[in-house]
PDB file of all heavy atoms in Angstrom:
ATOM      1  N   SER A   1       6.403  -5.208  17.265  1.00  0.00           N
ATOM      2  CA  SER A   1       7.127  -5.704  16.094  1.00  0.00           C
ATOM      3  C   SER A   1       7.153  -4.676  14.938  1.00  0.00           C
ATOM      4  O   SER A   1       8.016  -4.748  14.087  1.00  0.00           O
ATOM      5  CB  SER A   1       6.484  -6.991  15.562  1.00  0.00           C
ATOM      6  OG  SER A   1       5.139  -6.759  15.228  1.00  0.00           O
ATOM      7  N   VAL A   2       6.205  -3.699  14.979  1.00  0.00           N
ATOM      8  CA  VAL A   2       6.161  -2.677  13.952  1.00  0.00           C
ATOM      9  C   VAL A   2       6.296  -1.270  14.401  1.00  0.00           C
ATOM     10  O   VAL A   2       6.360  -0.365  13.564  1.00  0.00           O
ATOM     11  CB  VAL A   2       4.829  -2.819  13.098  1.00  0.00           C
ATOM     12  CG1 VAL A   2       4.726  -4.269  12.564  1.00  0.00           C
ATOM     13  CG2 VAL A   2       3.643  -2.468  13.972  1.00  0.00           C
ATOM     14  N   LYS A   3       6.425  -1.103  15.722  1.00  0.00           N
ATOM     15  CA  LYS A   3       6.501   0.262  16.232  1.00  0.00           C
ATOM     16  C   LYS A   3       7.761   0.953  15.699  1.00  0.00           C
ATOM     17  O   LYS A   3       8.874   0.389  15.713  1.00  0.00           O
ATOM     18  CB  LYS A   3       6.577   0.149  17.783  1.00  0.00           C
ATOM     19  CG  LYS A   3       6.246   1.470  18.471  1.00  0.00           C
ATOM     20  CD  LYS A   3       6.156   1.213  19.981  1.00  0.00           C
ATOM     21  CE  LYS A   3       4.968   0.320  20.362  1.00  0.00           C
ATOM     22  NZ  LYS A   3       4.863   0.139  21.833  1.00  0.00           N
ATOM     23  N   GLY A   4       7.544   2.163  15.198  1.00  0.00           N
ATOM     24  CA  GLY A   4       8.669   2.940  14.629  1.00  0.00           C
ATOM     25  C   GLY A   4       8.893   2.668  13.158  1.00  0.00           C
ATOM     26  O   GLY A   4       9.614   3.444  12.539  1.00  0.00           O
ATOM     27  N   ARG A   5       8.289   1.621  12.621  1.00  0.00           N
ATOM     28  CA  ARG A   5       8.396   1.390  11.164  1.00  0.00           C
ATOM     29  C   ARG A   5       7.066   1.569  10.442  1.00  0.00           C
ATOM     30  O   ARG A   5       7.094   1.980   9.261  1.00  0.00           O
ATOM     31  CB  ARG A   5       8.884  -0.066  10.961  1.00  0.00           C
ATOM     32  CG  ARG A   5      10.240  -0.376  11.536  1.00  0.00           C
ATOM     33  CD  ARG A   5      10.713  -1.710  11.045  1.00  0.00           C
ATOM     34  NE  ARG A   5       9.853  -2.851  11.447  1.00  0.00           N
ATOM     35  CZ  ARG A   5       9.286  -3.742  10.589  1.00  0.00           C
ATOM     36  NH1 ARG A   5       9.589  -3.646   9.316  1.00  0.00           N
ATOM     37  NH2 ARG A   5       8.515  -4.707  11.078  1.00  0.00           N
ATOM     38  N   PHE A   6       5.960   1.244  11.078  1.00  0.00           N
ATOM     39  CA  PHE A   6       4.651   1.366  10.467  1.00  0.00           C
ATOM     40  C   PHE A   6       3.881   2.517  11.079  1.00  0.00           C
ATOM     41  O   PHE A   6       4.008   2.761  12.280  1.00  0.00           O
ATOM     42  CB  PHE A   6       3.858   0.052  10.670  1.00  0.00           C
ATOM     43  CG  PHE A   6       4.407  -1.112   9.917  1.00  0.00           C
ATOM     44  CD1 PHE A   6       5.585  -1.152   9.269  1.00  0.00           C
ATOM     45  CD2 PHE A   6       3.619  -2.326   9.888  1.00  0.00           C
ATOM     46  CE1 PHE A   6       6.080  -2.237   8.581  1.00  0.00           C
ATOM     47  CE2 PHE A   6       4.077  -3.442   9.240  1.00  0.00           C
ATOM     48  CZ  PHE A   6       5.288  -3.395   8.604  1.00  0.00           C
ATOM     49  N   THR A   7       3.042   3.118  10.289  1.00  0.00           N
ATOM     50  CA  THR A   7       2.194   4.216  10.751  1.00  0.00           C
ATOM     51  C   THR A   7       0.782   4.047  10.247  1.00  0.00           C
ATOM     52  O   THR A   7       0.587   3.919   9.018  1.00  0.00           O
ATOM     53  CB  THR A   7       2.703   5.592  10.270  1.00  0.00           C
ATOM     54  OG1 THR A   7       4.050   5.763  10.737  1.00  0.00           O
ATOM     55  CG2 THR A   7       1.859   6.708  10.828  1.00  0.00           C
ATOM     56  N   ILE A   8      -0.155   4.033  11.134  1.00  0.00           N
ATOM     57  CA  ILE A   8      -1.588   3.903  10.761  1.00  0.00           C
ATOM     58  C   ILE A   8      -2.183   5.323  10.777  1.00  0.00           C
ATOM     59  O   ILE A   8      -1.859   6.092  11.639  1.00  0.00           O
ATOM     60  CB  ILE A   8      -2.371   2.945  11.718  1.00  0.00           C
ATOM     61  CG1 ILE A   8      -3.787   2.725  11.179  1.00  0.00           C
ATOM     62  CG2 ILE A   8      -2.356   3.482  13.134  1.00  0.00           C
ATOM     63  CD1 ILE A   8      -4.534   1.623  11.954  1.00  0.00           C
ATOM     64  N   SER A   9      -3.020   5.574   9.784  1.00  0.00           N
ATOM     65  CA  SER A   9      -3.682   6.893   9.734  1.00  0.00           C
ATOM     66  C   SER A   9      -5.061   6.678   9.071  1.00  0.00           C
ATOM     67  O   SER A   9      -5.339   5.599   8.526  1.00  0.00           O
ATOM     68  CB  SER A   9      -2.867   7.884   8.931  1.00  0.00           C
ATOM     69  OG  SER A   9      -2.694   7.437   7.617  1.00  0.00           O
ATOM     70  N   ARG A  10      -5.867   7.705   9.158  1.00  0.00           N
ATOM     71  CA  ARG A  10      -7.220   7.598   8.601  1.00  0.00           C
ATOM     72  C   ARG A  10      -7.631   8.905   7.997  1.00  0.00           C
ATOM     73  O   ARG A  10      -7.211   9.987   8.447  1.00  0.00           O
ATOM     74  CB  ARG A  10      -8.259   7.124   9.598  1.00  0.00           C
ATOM     75  CG  ARG A  10      -8.508   8.103  10.779  1.00  0.00           C
ATOM     76  CD  ARG A  10      -9.286   7.451  11.893  1.00  0.00           C
ATOM     77  NE  ARG A  10     -10.603   7.018  11.448  1.00  0.00           N
ATOM     78  CZ  ARG A  10     -11.350   6.121  12.109  1.00  0.00           C
ATOM     79  NH1 ARG A  10     -10.886   5.569  13.199  1.00  0.00           N
ATOM     80  NH2 ARG A  10     -12.542   5.756  11.638  1.00  0.00           N
ATOM     81  N   ASP A  11      -8.441   8.791   6.948  1.00  0.00           N
ATOM     82  CA  ASP A  11      -9.026   9.982   6.329  1.00  0.00           C
ATOM     83  C   ASP A  11     -10.551   9.776   6.323  1.00  0.00           C
ATOM     84  O   ASP A  11     -11.097   9.026   5.497  1.00  0.00           O
ATOM     85  CB  ASP A  11      -8.533  10.149   4.887  1.00  0.00           C
ATOM     86  CG  ASP A  11      -8.990  11.420   4.227  1.00  0.00           C
ATOM     87  OD1 ASP A  11     -10.037  11.944   4.645  1.00  0.00           O
ATOM     88  OD2 ASP A  11      -8.349  11.858   3.252  1.00  0.00           O
ATOM     89  N   ASN A  12     -11.225  10.401   7.296  1.00  0.00           N
ATOM     90  CA  ASN A  12     -12.665  10.160   7.425  1.00  0.00           C
ATOM     91  C   ASN A  12     -13.462  10.682   6.241  1.00  0.00           C
ATOM     92  O   ASN A  12     -14.541  10.179   5.921  1.00  0.00           O
ATOM     93  CB  ASN A  12     -13.150  10.780   8.718  1.00  0.00           C
ATOM     94  CG  ASN A  12     -12.707  10.006   9.952  1.00  0.00           C
ATOM     95  OD1 ASN A  12     -12.328   8.839   9.860  1.00  0.00           O
ATOM     96  ND2 ASN A  12     -12.616  10.692  11.079  1.00  0.00           N
ATOM     97  N   ALA A  13     -12.952  11.695   5.591  1.00  0.00           N
ATOM     98  CA  ALA A  13     -13.628  12.226   4.397  1.00  0.00           C
ATOM     99  C   ALA A  13     -13.666  11.244   3.278  1.00  0.00           C
ATOM    100  O   ALA A  13     -14.545  11.271   2.420  1.00  0.00           O
ATOM    101  CB  ALA A  13     -12.978  13.578   3.980  1.00  0.00           C
ATOM    102  N   LYS A  14     -12.657  10.348   3.250  1.00  0.00           N
ATOM    103  CA  LYS A  14     -12.513   9.362   2.204  1.00  0.00           C
ATOM    104  C   LYS A  14     -12.918   7.984   2.671  1.00  0.00           C
ATOM    105  O   LYS A  14     -12.804   7.005   1.907  1.00  0.00           O
ATOM    106  CB  LYS A  14     -11.102   9.361   1.607  1.00  0.00           C
ATOM    107  CG  LYS A  14     -10.689  10.636   0.930  1.00  0.00           C
ATOM    108  CD  LYS A  14      -9.296  10.510   0.375  1.00  0.00           C
ATOM    109  CE  LYS A  14      -8.862  11.787  -0.366  1.00  0.00           C
ATOM    110  NZ  LYS A  14      -7.528  11.679  -0.920  1.00  0.00           N
ATOM    111  N   ASN A  15     -13.325   7.864   3.952  1.00  0.00           N
ATOM    112  CA  ASN A  15     -13.691   6.560   4.517  1.00  0.00           C
ATOM    113  C   ASN A  15     -12.532   5.546   4.287  1.00  0.00           C
ATOM    114  O   ASN A  15     -12.802   4.397   3.949  1.00  0.00           O
ATOM    115  CB  ASN A  15     -14.961   6.003   3.899  1.00  0.00           C
ATOM    116  CG  ASN A  15     -16.219   6.738   4.392  1.00  0.00           C
ATOM    117  OD1 ASN A  15     -16.098   7.628   5.237  1.00  0.00           O
ATOM    118  ND2 ASN A  15     -17.334   6.400   3.825  1.00  0.00           N
ATOM    119  N   THR A  16     -11.392   5.999   4.530  1.00  0.00           N
ATOM    120  CA  THR A  16     -10.165   5.145   4.268  1.00  0.00           C
ATOM    121  C   THR A  16      -9.203   5.179   5.430  1.00  0.00           C
ATOM    122  O   THR A  16      -8.951   6.234   6.007  1.00  0.00           O
ATOM    123  CB  THR A  16      -9.486   5.604   2.950  1.00  0.00           C
ATOM    124  OG1 THR A  16     -10.403   5.564   1.870  1.00  0.00           O
ATOM    125  CG2 THR A  16      -8.318   4.725   2.638  1.00  0.00           C
ATOM    126  N   VAL A  17      -8.648   4.004   5.682  1.00  0.00           N
ATOM    127  CA  VAL A  17      -7.564   3.890   6.660  1.00  0.00           C
ATOM    128  C   VAL A  17      -6.332   3.414   5.923  1.00  0.00           C
ATOM    129  O   VAL A  17      -6.422   2.636   4.941  1.00  0.00           O
ATOM    130  CB  VAL A  17      -7.954   2.967   7.817  1.00  0.00           C
ATOM    131  CG1 VAL A  17      -8.187   1.517   7.343  1.00  0.00           C
ATOM    132  CG2 VAL A  17      -6.883   2.945   8.897  1.00  0.00           C
ATOM    133  N   TYR A  18      -5.163   3.930   6.347  1.00  0.00           N
ATOM    134  CA  TYR A  18      -3.894   3.598   5.665  1.00  0.00           C
ATOM    135  C   TYR A  18      -2.925   2.933   6.625  1.00  0.00           C
ATOM    136  O   TYR A  18      -3.011   3.084   7.843  1.00  0.00           O
ATOM    137  CB  TYR A  18      -3.276   4.841   5.176  1.00  0.00           C
ATOM    138  CG  TYR A  18      -4.152   5.696   4.219  1.00  0.00           C
ATOM    139  CD1 TYR A  18      -4.895   6.727   4.730  1.00  0.00           C
ATOM    140  CD2 TYR A  18      -4.221   5.360   2.858  1.00  0.00           C
ATOM    141  CE1 TYR A  18      -5.701   7.502   3.868  1.00  0.00           C
ATOM    142  CE2 TYR A  18      -5.040   6.093   2.022  1.00  0.00           C
ATOM    143  CZ  TYR A  18      -5.768   7.182   2.571  1.00  0.00           C
ATOM    144  OH  TYR A  18      -6.606   7.942   1.715  1.00  0.00           O
ATOM    145  N   LEU A  19      -2.019   2.175   6.065  1.00  0.00           N
ATOM    146  CA  LEU A  19      -0.864   1.692   6.802  1.00  0.00           C
ATOM    147  C   LEU A  19       0.360   1.958   5.992  1.00  0.00           C
ATOM    148  O   LEU A  19       0.602   1.298   4.930  1.00  0.00           O
ATOM    149  CB  LEU A  19      -1.009   0.167   7.067  1.00  0.00           C
ATOM    150  CG  LEU A  19       0.070  -0.396   8.001  1.00  0.00           C
ATOM    151  CD1 LEU A  19      -0.091   0.137   9.432  1.00  0.00           C
ATOM    152  CD2 LEU A  19       0.057  -1.908   8.068  1.00  0.00           C
ATOM    153  N   GLN A  20       1.156   2.897   6.459  1.00  0.00           N
ATOM    154  CA  GLN A  20       2.440   3.194   5.803  1.00  0.00           C
ATOM    155  C   GLN A  20       3.487   2.298   6.463  1.00  0.00           C
ATOM    156  O   GLN A  20       3.681   2.287   7.640  1.00  0.00           O
ATOM    157  CB  GLN A  20       2.790   4.674   6.055  1.00  0.00           C
ATOM    158  CG  GLN A  20       4.153   5.053   5.500  1.00  0.00           C
ATOM    159  CD  GLN A  20       4.220   5.001   3.960  1.00  0.00           C
ATOM    160  OE1 GLN A  20       3.320   5.430   3.338  1.00  0.00           O
ATOM    161  NE2 GLN A  20       5.325   4.410   3.454  1.00  0.00           N
ATOM    162  N   MET A  21       4.180   1.474   5.593  1.00  0.00           N
ATOM    163  CA  MET A  21       5.126   0.529   6.078  1.00  0.00           C
ATOM    164  C   MET A  21       6.488   0.888   5.507  1.00  0.00           C
ATOM    165  O   MET A  21       6.672   0.922   4.285  1.00  0.00           O
ATOM    166  CB  MET A  21       4.724  -0.878   5.638  1.00  0.00           C
ATOM    167  CG  MET A  21       3.282  -1.246   6.044  1.00  0.00           C
ATOM    168  SD  MET A  21       2.898  -2.999   5.689  1.00  0.00           S
ATOM    169  CE  MET A  21       2.943  -2.954   3.872  1.00  0.00           C
ATOM    170  N   ASN A  22       7.421   1.149   6.400  1.00  0.00           N
ATOM    171  CA  ASN A  22       8.782   1.494   6.041  1.00  0.00           C
ATOM    172  C   ASN A  22       9.757   0.449   6.563  1.00  0.00           C
ATOM    173  O   ASN A  22       9.419  -0.332   7.483  1.00  0.00           O
ATOM    174  CB  ASN A  22       9.144   2.928   6.546  1.00  0.00           C
ATOM    175  CG  ASN A  22       8.279   3.951   6.044  1.00  0.00           C
ATOM    176  OD1 ASN A  22       7.797   3.963   4.894  1.00  0.00           O
ATOM    177  ND2 ASN A  22       8.031   4.999   6.867  1.00  0.00           N
ATOM    178  N   SER A  23      10.980   0.472   6.066  1.00  0.00           N
ATOM    179  CA  SER A  23      12.034  -0.457   6.524  1.00  0.00           C
ATOM    180  C   SER A  23      11.518  -1.863   6.577  1.00  0.00           C
ATOM    181  O   SER A  23      11.713  -2.569   7.529  1.00  0.00           O
ATOM    182  CB  SER A  23      12.544  -0.006   7.896  1.00  0.00           C
ATOM    183  OG  SER A  23      13.038   1.320   7.879  1.00  0.00           O
ATOM    184  N   LEU A  24      10.918  -2.258   5.458  1.00  0.00           N
ATOM    185  CA  LEU A  24      10.269  -3.599   5.473  1.00  0.00           C
ATOM    186  C   LEU A  24      11.371  -4.717   5.479  1.00  0.00           C
ATOM    187  O   LEU A  24      12.431  -4.572   4.921  1.00  0.00           O
ATOM    188  CB  LEU A  24       9.434  -3.783   4.190  1.00  0.00           C
ATOM    189  CG  LEU A  24       8.052  -3.048   4.319  1.00  0.00           C
ATOM    190  CD1 LEU A  24       7.439  -2.832   2.966  1.00  0.00           C
ATOM    191  CD2 LEU A  24       7.129  -3.818   5.237  1.00  0.00           C
ATOM    192  N   LYS A  25      10.991  -5.812   6.170  1.00  0.00           N
ATOM    193  CA  LYS A  25      11.880  -6.941   6.364  1.00  0.00           C
ATOM    194  C   LYS A  25      11.179  -8.197   5.745  1.00  0.00           C
ATOM    195  O   LYS A  25       9.969  -8.246   5.659  1.00  0.00           O
ATOM    196  CB  LYS A  25      12.070  -7.169   7.869  1.00  0.00           C
ATOM    197  CG  LYS A  25      12.558  -5.939   8.663  1.00  0.00           C
ATOM    198  CD  LYS A  25      12.601  -6.248  10.106  1.00  0.00           C
ATOM    199  CE  LYS A  25      13.019  -5.045  10.926  1.00  0.00           C
ATOM    200  NZ  LYS A  25      13.021  -5.285  12.394  1.00  0.00           N
ATOM    201  N   PRO A  26      11.997  -9.177   5.437  1.00  0.00           N
ATOM    202  CA  PRO A  26      11.401 -10.443   4.929  1.00  0.00           C
ATOM    203  C   PRO A  26      10.307 -11.010   5.849  1.00  0.00           C
ATOM    204  O   PRO A  26       9.329 -11.596   5.390  1.00  0.00           O
ATOM    205  CB  PRO A  26      12.576 -11.353   4.750  1.00  0.00           C
ATOM    206  CG  PRO A  26      13.742 -10.431   4.467  1.00  0.00           C
ATOM    207  CD  PRO A  26      13.483  -9.224   5.350  1.00  0.00           C
ATOM    208  N   GLU A  27      10.539 -10.844   7.133  1.00  0.00           N
ATOM    209  CA  GLU A  27       9.578 -11.388   8.106  1.00  0.00           C
ATOM    210  C   GLU A  27       8.261 -10.604   8.150  1.00  0.00           C
ATOM    211  O   GLU A  27       7.272 -11.014   8.819  1.00  0.00           O
ATOM    212  CB  GLU A  27      10.145 -11.468   9.526  1.00  0.00           C
ATOM    213  CG  GLU A  27      10.738 -10.180   9.968  1.00  0.00           C
ATOM    214  CD  GLU A  27      12.277 -10.169   9.791  1.00  0.00           C
ATOM    215  OE1 GLU A  27      12.735 -10.583   8.686  1.00  0.00           O
ATOM    216  OE2 GLU A  27      12.996  -9.685  10.708  1.00  0.00           O
ATOM    217  N   ASP A  28       8.174  -9.481   7.395  1.00  0.00           N
ATOM    218  CA  ASP A  28       6.879  -8.789   7.235  1.00  0.00           C
ATOM    219  C   ASP A  28       6.030  -9.395   6.153  1.00  0.00           C
ATOM    220  O   ASP A  28       4.863  -8.995   5.992  1.00  0.00           O
ATOM    221  CB  ASP A  28       7.144  -7.312   6.878  1.00  0.00           C
ATOM    222  CG  ASP A  28       7.798  -6.563   8.019  1.00  0.00           C
ATOM    223  OD1 ASP A  28       7.443  -6.736   9.207  1.00  0.00           O
ATOM    224  OD2 ASP A  28       8.778  -5.758   7.741  1.00  0.00           O
TER     225      ASP A  28
END
């Protein structure tokens, strides 16, 4: 449902994980 629109990444130096969400839809 999110492949190609969302990207997960992590920065171990900052102890942080991210979720970049593009082309958002109302069903998100």
